[in-house]
C-alpha atoms as a PDB file:
ATOM      1  CA  MET A   1     -18.364  29.276  98.953  1.00  0.00           C
ATOM      2  CA  SER A   2     -19.131  32.483  97.077  1.00  0.00           C
ATOM      3  CA  ASP A   3     -21.895  32.834  94.459  1.00  0.00           C
ATOM      4  CA  THR A   4     -19.245  33.389  91.785  1.00  0.00           C
ATOM      5  CA  THR A   5     -17.394  30.172  92.613  1.00  0.00           C
ATOM      6  CA  HIS A   6     -20.656  28.208  92.733  1.00  0.00           C
ATOM      7  CA  SER A   7     -21.764  29.570  89.377  1.00  0.00           C
ATOM      8  CA  SER A   8     -18.424  28.660  87.798  1.00  0.00           C
ATOM      9  CA  THR A   9     -18.660  25.127  89.112  1.00  0.00           C
ATOM     10  CA  VAL A  10     -22.205  24.681  87.765  1.00  0.00           C
ATOM     11  CA  THR A  11     -21.109  26.024  84.369  1.00  0.00           C
ATOM     12  CA  GLU A  12     -18.172  23.618  84.149  1.00  0.00           C
ATOM     13  CA  THR A  13     -20.373  20.704  85.145  1.00  0.00           C
ATOM     14  CA  ALA A  14     -22.955  21.598  82.510  1.00  0.00           C
ATOM     15  CA  ALA A  15     -20.244  21.963  79.876  1.00  0.00           C
ATOM     16  CA  ALA A  16     -18.776  18.586  80.742  1.00  0.00           C
ATOM     17  CA  THR A  17     -22.209  17.003  80.630  1.00  0.00           C
ATOM     18  CA  SER A  18     -22.874  18.630  77.259  1.00  0.00           C
ATOM     19  CA  THR A  19     -19.532  17.420  75.910  1.00  0.00           C
ATOM     20  CA  GLU A  20     -20.172  13.861  77.069  1.00  0.00           C
ATOM     21  CA  ALA A  21     -23.623  13.952  75.521  1.00  0.00           C
ATOM     22  CA  GLY A  22     -22.147  15.215  72.261  1.00  0.00           C
ATOM     23  CA  ILE A  23     -19.523  12.504  72.228  1.00  0.00           C
ATOM     24  CA  ALA A  24     -22.147   9.857  72.997  1.00  0.00           C
ATOM     25  CA  ASP A  25     -24.330  11.181  70.178  1.00  0.00           C
ATOM     26  CA  ARG A  26     -21.471  11.152  67.710  1.00  0.00           C
ATOM     27  CA  LEU A  27     -20.505   7.634  68.753  1.00  0.00           C
ATOM     28  CA  ALA A  28     -24.102   6.486  68.286  1.00  0.00           C
ATOM     29  CA  ARG A  29     -24.217   8.002  64.798  1.00  0.00           C
ATOM     30  CA  LEU A  30     -20.832   6.465  63.965  1.00  0.00           C
ATOM     31  CA  ARG A  31     -22.015   3.030  65.085  1.00  0.00           C
ATOM     32  CA  ALA A  32     -25.134   3.366  62.965  1.00  0.00           C
ATOM     33  CA  ARG A  33     -23.025   4.427  60.006  1.00  0.00           C
ATOM     34  CA  LEU A  34     -20.616   1.520  60.495  1.00  0.00           C
ATOM     35  CA  ASP A  35     -23.512  -0.910  60.810  1.00  0.00           C
ATOM     36  CA  TYR A  36     -24.962   0.473  57.570  1.00  0.00           C
ATOM     37  CA  GLN A  37     -21.607   0.268  55.811  1.00  0.00           C
ATOM     38  CA  GLY A  38     -21.184  -3.281  57.092  1.00  0.00           C
ATOM     39  CA  LEU A  39     -24.557  -4.220  55.655  1.00  0.00           C
ATOM     40  CA  ILE A  40     -23.644  -2.632  52.327  1.00  0.00           C
ATOM     41  CA  LEU A  41     -20.264  -4.395  52.288  1.00  0.00           C
ATOM     42  CA  GLY A  42     -21.905  -7.734  53.129  1.00  0.00           C
ATOM     43  CA  PHE A  43     -24.469  -7.240  50.391  1.00  0.00           C
ATOM     44  CA  LEU A  44     -21.801  -6.400  47.833  1.00  0.00           C
ATOM     45  CA  CYS A  45     -19.760  -9.450  48.848  1.00  0.00           C
ATOM     46  CA  ALA A  46     -22.845 -11.641  48.429  1.00  0.00           C
ATOM     47  CA  VAL A  47     -23.539 -10.177  44.985  1.00  0.00           C
ATOM     48  CA  VAL A  48     -19.926 -10.724  43.885  1.00  0.00           C
ATOM     49  CA  THR A  49     -19.949 -14.298  45.210  1.00  0.00           C
ATOM     50  CA  ILE A  50     -23.198 -15.163  43.425  1.00  0.00           C
ATOM     51  CA  THR A  51     -21.923 -13.559  40.212  1.00  0.00           C
ATOM     52  CA  LEU A  52     -18.693 -15.572  40.367  1.00  0.00           C
ATOM     53  CA  LEU A  53     -20.561 -18.803  41.048  1.00  0.00           C
ATOM     54  CA  LEU A  54     -22.934 -18.233  38.146  1.00  0.00           C
ATOM     55  CA  GLY A  55     -20.048 -17.254  35.893  1.00  0.00           C
ATOM     56  CA  ASP A  56     -18.051 -20.331  36.897  1.00  0.00           C
ATOM     57  CA  ARG A  57     -21.010 -22.593  36.233  1.00  0.00           C
ATOM     58  CA  GLY A  58     -21.611 -21.007  32.843  1.00  0.00           C
ATOM     59  CA  THR A  59     -17.925 -21.281  31.960  1.00  0.00           C
ATOM     60  CA  ARG A  60     -17.771 -24.933  32.998  1.00  0.00           C
ATOM     61  CA  ASP A  61     -20.869 -25.701  30.925  1.00  0.00           C
ATOM     62  CA  LEU A  62     -19.353 -23.947  27.912  1.00  0.00           C
ATOM     63  CA  ILE A  63     -16.013 -25.712  28.345  1.00  0.00           C
ATOM     64  CA  GLY A  64     -17.775 -29.068  28.687  1.00  0.00           C
ATOM     65  CA  GLN A  65     -19.753 -28.411  25.522  1.00  0.00           C
ATOM     66  CA  ARG A  66     -16.615 -27.452  23.586  1.00  0.00           C
ATOM     67  CA  GLN A  67     -14.778 -30.543  24.843  1.00  0.00           C
ATOM     68  CA  MET A  68     -17.691 -32.704  23.730  1.00  0.00           C
ATOM     69  CA  GLU A  69     -17.631 -31.081  20.287  1.00  0.00           C
ATOM     70  CA  ASP A  70     -13.859 -31.593  19.995  1.00  0.00           C
ATOM     71  CA  LYS A  71     -14.146 -35.274  20.943  1.00  0.00           C
ATOM     72  CA  LEU A  72     -16.991 -35.835  18.491  1.00  0.00           C
ATOM     73  CA  ALA A  73     -14.911 -34.183  15.765  1.00  0.00           C
ATOM     74  CA  LEU A  74     -12.020 -36.517  16.626  1.00  0.00           C
ATOM     75  CA  LEU A  75     -14.317 -39.543  16.587  1.00  0.00           C
ATOM     76  CA  ALA A  76     -15.492 -38.555  13.116  1.00  0.00           C
ATOM     77  CA  GLN A  77     -11.874 -38.994  11.932  1.00  0.00           C
ATOM     78  CA  VAL A  78     -11.680 -42.608  13.100  1.00  0.00           C
ATOM     79  CA  LEU A  79     -15.355 -43.618  12.800  1.00  0.00           C
ATOM     80  CA  PRO A  80     -17.309 -42.586   9.689  1.00  0.00           C
ATOM     81  CA  PRO A  81     -20.438 -40.699  10.862  1.00  0.00           C
ATOM     82  CA  ALA A  82     -22.484 -42.897   8.515  1.00  0.00           C
ATOM     83  CA  LEU A  83     -21.895 -45.777  10.933  1.00  0.00           C
ATOM     84  CA  TYR A  84     -23.834 -44.286  13.826  1.00  0.00           C
ATOM     85  CA  ASP A  85     -26.855 -42.214  14.761  1.00  0.00           C
ATOM     86  CA  ASN A  86     -26.092 -42.095  18.489  1.00  0.00           C
ATOM     87  CA  ASN A  87     -23.635 -40.068  20.559  1.00  0.00           C
ATOM     88  CA  PRO A  88     -20.804 -42.572  21.192  1.00  0.00           C
ATOM     89  CA  LEU A  89     -19.412 -40.419  24.004  1.00  0.00           C
ATOM     90  CA  GLN A  90     -22.666 -40.532  25.956  1.00  0.00           C
ATOM     91  CA  ASP A  91     -23.055 -44.281  25.365  1.00  0.00           C
ATOM     92  CA  ALA A  92     -19.473 -45.132  26.392  1.00  0.00           C
ATOM     93  CA  VAL A  93     -18.889 -48.446  28.182  1.00  0.00           C
ATOM     94  CA  LYS A  94     -15.994 -49.586  30.375  1.00  0.00           C
ATOM     95  CA  ILE A  95     -14.213 -52.815  29.443  1.00  0.00           C
ATOM     96  CA  SER A  96     -11.595 -54.432  31.686  1.00  0.00           C
ATOM     97  CA  ASP A  97      -8.704 -56.336  30.107  1.00  0.00           C
ATOM     98  CA  VAL A  98      -5.425 -56.517  32.018  1.00  0.00           C
ATOM     99  CA  GLU A  99      -3.656 -57.927  28.946  1.00  0.00           C
ATOM    100  CA  PHE A 100      -4.336 -54.679  27.127  1.00  0.00           C
ATOM    101  CA  SER A 101      -4.459 -52.023  29.855  1.00  0.00           C
ATOM    102  CA  ALA A 102      -4.024 -51.780  33.612  1.00  0.00           C
ATOM    103  CA  GLN A 103      -7.045 -49.465  33.653  1.00  0.00           C
ATOM    104  CA  ALA A 104     -10.535 -50.163  32.348  1.00  0.00           C
ATOM    105  CA  VAL A 105     -10.802 -49.082  28.722  1.00  0.00           C
ATOM    106  CA  GLU A 106     -13.521 -46.599  27.811  1.00  0.00           C
ATOM    107  CA  VAL A 107     -15.077 -47.760  24.552  1.00  0.00           C
ATOM    108  CA  TYR A 108     -17.279 -45.501  22.441  1.00  0.00           C
ATOM    109  CA  PRO A 109     -19.826 -47.667  20.597  1.00  0.00           C
ATOM    110  CA  ALA A 110     -21.129 -46.644  17.176  1.00  0.00           C
ATOM    111  CA  LEU A 111     -24.816 -47.548  17.061  1.00  0.00           C
ATOM    112  CA  ARG A 112     -27.283 -47.354  14.202  1.00  0.00           C
ATOM    113  CA  ASN A 113     -30.895 -48.182  14.980  1.00  0.00           C
ATOM    114  CA  GLY A 114     -29.666 -49.551  18.298  1.00  0.00           C
ATOM    115  CA  GLU A 115     -27.248 -52.066  16.784  1.00  0.00           C
ATOM    116  CA  LEU A 116     -23.461 -51.985  17.089  1.00  0.00           C
ATOM    117  CA  GLN A 117     -21.761 -50.940  13.865  1.00  0.00           C
ATOM    118  CA  GLY A 118     -18.311 -50.231  15.241  1.00  0.00           C
ATOM    119  CA  ALA A 119     -16.402 -48.724  18.145  1.00  0.00           C
ATOM    120  CA  ALA A 120     -13.573 -46.380  19.022  1.00  0.00           C
ATOM    121  CA  PHE A 121     -11.237 -46.315  21.998  1.00  0.00           C
ATOM    122  CA  GLN A 122      -7.921 -44.930  23.185  1.00  0.00           C
ATOM    123  CA  LEU A 123      -4.739 -46.893  23.639  1.00  0.00           C
ATOM    124  CA  GLY A 124      -1.256 -46.154  24.865  1.00  0.00           C
ATOM    125  CA  THR A 125       2.012 -47.552  23.555  1.00  0.00           C
ATOM    126  CA  VAL A 126       5.555 -46.703  24.638  1.00  0.00           C
ATOM    127  CA  GLY A 127       7.713 -45.039  21.999  1.00  0.00           C
ATOM    128  CA  TYR A 128      11.185 -43.516  22.096  1.00  0.00           C
ATOM    129  CA  GLY A 129      10.183 -40.442  24.100  1.00  0.00           C
ATOM    130  CA  GLY A 130       7.489 -41.954  26.293  1.00  0.00           C
ATOM    131  CA  VAL A 131       3.848 -42.937  26.024  1.00  0.00           C
ATOM    132  CA  ILE A 132       2.114 -42.343  22.687  1.00  0.00           C
ATOM    133  CA  THR A 133      -1.649 -42.020  23.073  1.00  0.00           C
ATOM    134  CA  LEU A 134      -3.786 -43.033  20.109  1.00  0.00           C
ATOM    135  CA  MET A 135      -7.449 -43.149  19.179  1.00  0.00           C
ATOM    136  CA  LEU A 136      -8.504 -46.105  17.039  1.00  0.00           C
ATOM    137  CA  GLY A 137     -11.826 -46.803  15.338  1.00  0.00           C
ATOM    138  CA  VAL A 138     -13.038 -50.108  13.900  1.00  0.00           C
ATOM    139  CA  ASP A 139     -16.221 -51.332  12.272  1.00  0.00           C
ATOM    140  CA  ARG A 140     -18.164 -54.216  13.815  1.00  0.00           C
ATOM    141  CA  HIS A 141     -15.979 -56.716  11.933  1.00  0.00           C
ATOM    142  CA  GLY A 142     -12.790 -55.313  13.424  1.00  0.00           C
ATOM    143  CA  VAL A 143     -11.629 -53.488  10.281  1.00  0.00           C
ATOM    144  CA  ILE A 144      -9.741 -50.291  11.108  1.00  0.00           C
ATOM    145  CA  GLN A 145     -11.586 -47.141  10.059  1.00  0.00           C
ATOM    146  CA  GLY A 146      -8.940 -44.761  11.298  1.00  0.00           C
ATOM    147  CA  VAL A 147      -6.087 -44.196  13.734  1.00  0.00           C
ATOM    148  CA  ARG A 148      -5.024 -40.800  15.103  1.00  0.00           C
ATOM    149  CA  VAL A 149      -2.281 -39.692  17.477  1.00  0.00           C
ATOM    150  CA  LEU A 150      -3.627 -37.746  20.454  1.00  0.00           C
ATOM    151  CA  SER A 151      -0.355 -37.015  22.230  1.00  0.00           C
ATOM    152  CA  HIS A 152       3.307 -37.983  22.134  1.00  0.00           C
ATOM    153  CA  LYS A 153       6.830 -36.834  23.078  1.00  0.00           C
ATOM    154  CA  GLU A 154       8.682 -38.246  20.095  1.00  0.00           C
ATOM    155  CA  THR A 155      11.609 -36.433  18.441  1.00  0.00           C
ATOM    156  CA  PRO A 156      10.464 -33.461  16.333  1.00  0.00           C
ATOM    157  CA  GLY A 157      11.551 -33.652  12.720  1.00  0.00           C
ATOM    158  CA  LEU A 158      12.228 -37.396  12.915  1.00  0.00           C
ATOM    159  CA  ALA A 159       9.393 -39.282  14.583  1.00  0.00           C
ATOM    160  CA  ASP A 160       6.613 -36.711  14.535  1.00  0.00           C
ATOM    161  CA  LYS A 161       5.532 -37.965  11.089  1.00  0.00           C
ATOM    162  CA  ILE A 162       3.052 -40.058  13.041  1.00  0.00           C
ATOM    163  CA  GLU A 163       0.921 -36.898  13.177  1.00  0.00           C
ATOM    164  CA  LEU A 164      -1.471 -36.557  10.258  1.00  0.00           C
ATOM    165  CA  ASP A 165      -0.521 -32.931   9.642  1.00  0.00           C
ATOM    166  CA  LYS A 166       3.141 -33.983   9.316  1.00  0.00           C
ATOM    167  CA  GLY A 167       2.610 -36.907   6.944  1.00  0.00           C
ATOM    168  CA  ASP A 168       0.208 -39.636   5.828  1.00  0.00           C
ATOM    169  CA  TRP A 169       2.011 -42.553   7.495  1.00  0.00           C
ATOM    170  CA  ILE A 170      -0.805 -43.084  10.019  1.00  0.00           C
ATOM    171  CA  LEU A 171      -3.264 -43.677   7.155  1.00  0.00           C
ATOM    172  CA  ALA A 172      -1.519 -46.972   6.324  1.00  0.00           C
ATOM    173  CA  PHE A 173      -3.636 -48.661   9.006  1.00  0.00           C
ATOM    174  CA  ASP A 174      -6.947 -47.848   7.321  1.00  0.00           C
ATOM    175  CA  GLY A 175      -8.703 -51.009   6.162  1.00  0.00           C
ATOM    176  CA  LYS A 176      -6.381 -53.329   8.087  1.00  0.00           C
ATOM    177  CA  SER A 177      -7.712 -56.091  10.326  1.00  0.00           C
ATOM    178  CA  LEU A 178      -6.558 -59.285  11.988  1.00  0.00           C
ATOM    179  CA  SER A 179      -8.209 -61.301   9.223  1.00  0.00           C
ATOM    180  CA  ASN A 180      -6.690 -59.533   6.209  1.00  0.00           C
ATOM    181  CA  THR A 181      -3.201 -58.952   7.621  1.00  0.00           C
ATOM    182  CA  GLU A 182      -1.227 -61.899   8.981  1.00  0.00           C
ATOM    183  CA  ARG A 183       0.599 -61.588  12.283  1.00  0.00           C
ATOM    184  CA  PRO A 184       4.129 -61.420  10.761  1.00  0.00           C
ATOM    185  CA  GLN A 185       3.020 -58.458   8.645  1.00  0.00           C
ATOM    186  CA  TRP A 186       2.199 -56.432  11.740  1.00  0.00           C
ATOM    187  CA  ALA A 187       5.710 -55.006  11.927  1.00  0.00           C
ATOM    188  CA  VAL A 188       7.842 -52.374  10.246  1.00  0.00           C
ATOM    189  CA  LYS A 189       9.641 -53.407   7.069  1.00  0.00           C
ATOM    190  CA  LYS A 190      12.973 -53.489   8.894  1.00  0.00           C
ATOM    191  CA  ASP A 191      11.499 -56.299  11.019  1.00  0.00           C
ATOM    192  CA  GLY A 192       9.969 -58.131   8.048  1.00  0.00           C
ATOM    193  CA  GLY A 193       6.545 -56.487   8.183  1.00  0.00           C
ATOM    194  CA  GLU A 194       4.665 -54.269   5.752  1.00  0.00           C
ATOM    195  CA  PHE A 195       4.701 -50.894   7.532  1.00  0.00           C
ATOM    196  CA  ASP A 196       7.272 -48.229   6.714  1.00  0.00           C
ATOM    197  CA  GLN A 197       9.712 -47.005   9.331  1.00  0.00           C
ATOM    198  CA  PHE A 198      11.208 -43.515   9.455  1.00  0.00           C
ATOM    199  CA  THR A 199      14.813 -42.763   8.610  1.00  0.00           C
ATOM    200  CA  GLY A 200      16.628 -42.502  11.910  1.00  0.00           C
ATOM    201  CA  ALA A 201      13.490 -43.315  13.899  1.00  0.00           C
ATOM    202  CA  THR A 202      12.404 -46.939  13.911  1.00  0.00           C
ATOM    203  CA  ILE A 203      11.306 -47.238  17.538  1.00  0.00           C
ATOM    204  CA  THR A 204       8.320 -44.911  17.151  1.00  0.00           C
ATOM    205  CA  PRO A 205       6.589 -46.594  14.188  1.00  0.00           C
ATOM    206  CA  ARG A 206       7.400 -50.024  15.618  1.00  0.00           C
ATOM    207  CA  ALA A 207       5.679 -49.079  18.882  1.00  0.00           C
ATOM    208  CA  ILE A 208       2.572 -47.831  17.095  1.00  0.00           C
ATOM    209  CA  VAL A 209       2.295 -50.896  14.866  1.00  0.00           C
ATOM    210  CA  ASN A 210       2.530 -53.167  17.902  1.00  0.00           C
ATOM    211  CA  GLY A 211       0.050 -51.027  19.826  1.00  0.00           C
ATOM    212  CA  VAL A 212      -2.511 -51.024  17.007  1.00  0.00           C
ATOM    213  CA  HIS A 213      -2.225 -54.811  16.639  1.00  0.00           C
ATOM    214  CA  LYS A 214      -2.838 -55.277  20.363  1.00  0.00           C
ATOM    215  CA  ALA A 215      -5.819 -52.939  20.112  1.00  0.00           C
ATOM    216  CA  LEU A 216      -7.350 -55.117  17.386  1.00  0.00           C
ATOM    217  CA  GLU A 217      -6.830 -58.180  19.571  1.00  0.00           C
ATOM    218  CA  PHE A 218      -8.540 -56.352  22.434  1.00  0.00           C
ATOM    219  CA  TYR A 219     -11.557 -55.583  20.261  1.00  0.00           C
ATOM    220  CA  ALA A 220     -11.712 -59.186  18.984  1.00  0.00           C
ATOM    221  CA  ARG A 221     -11.765 -60.493  22.559  1.00  0.00           C
ATOM    222  CA  HIS A 222     -14.519 -58.111  23.653  1.00  0.00           C
ATOM    223  CA  ALA A 223     -16.619 -57.468  20.532  1.00  0.00           C
ATOM    224  CA  ALA A 224     -19.528 -59.498  21.908  1.00  0.00           C
ATOM    225  CA  GLU A 225     -19.289 -57.780  25.310  1.00  0.00           C
ATOM    226  CA  ILE A 226     -19.203 -54.353  23.698  1.00  0.00           C
ATOM    227  CA  ALA A 227     -22.200 -55.236  21.508  1.00  0.00           C
ATOM    228  CA  ALA A 228     -24.202 -56.478  24.503  1.00  0.00           C
ATOM    229  CA  ALA A 229     -23.402 -53.388  26.553  1.00  0.00           C
ATOM    230  CA  ALA A 230     -24.262 -51.141  23.619  1.00  0.00           C
ATOM    231  CA  GLN A 231     -27.554 -52.972  23.068  1.00  0.00           C
ATOM    232  CA  ALA A 232     -28.415 -52.610  26.753  1.00  0.00           C
ATOM    233  CA  SER A 233     -27.710 -48.896  26.509  1.00  0.00           C
ATOM    234  CA  ALA A 234     -29.920 -48.630  23.424  1.00  0.00           C
ATOM    235  CA  ASP A 235     -32.761 -50.517  25.132  1.00  0.00           C
ATOM    236  CA  THR A 236     -32.518 -48.234  28.155  1.00  0.00           C
ATOM    237  CA  GLN A 237     -32.851 -45.196  25.926  1.00  0.00           C
ATOM    238  CA  GLY A 238     -35.768 -46.736  24.048  1.00  0.00           C
ATOM    239  CA  ASN A 239     -34.038 -47.108  20.703  1.00  0.00           C
ATOM    240  CA  PRO A 240     -35.385 -49.813  18.412  1.00  0.00           C
ATOM    241  CA  SER A 241     -33.258 -52.942  18.086  1.00  0.00           C
END
């Protein structure tokens, strides 16, 4: 082998070695860069996740607070605020009565100085378009303080007069009780009772009248139980009896 051939071979070998070293160096730097970018990406993902979690928690707390305020405002329409100094929603008790509802009824007791002054609860009655959900409030003697429609699917323009903003029909229940209104009177006038029906829509008011009467019977059956549960709640919270 000549000196020229040997020199050429050595040069090629050195060049190849240098190229491999360069490639290895670039790969090492690329790996380091990718590792760094991965760390940055992971950190950003963690920050976004934490931010979303905190935001979700704050939103849920705000929504819960607004829902509580809305329910308290609704309660004030069926239970005069002068009747209670507690938060009826926080002191709610569950009462079971299969004659009135397949599910336990959540009752919101109105307490003043730890003593029951009244209560409010929801009820459902079946109208023409489906279930009509109501909120009813009574004083401790079972006298209606207010009734409001929470939801319904009754015919617009005919039966939606059950809503307070569509008419004052629902106010006819105020002051009524089992003791001052005889059973036959708990019906629409078409059926011999004292409550008005709507022109072209008798089923809806009839359903509500029947539902409200059953609600009063429910309260009469469980007034003592509600009072005892409310008193227990007041004692637990340290309110004077």
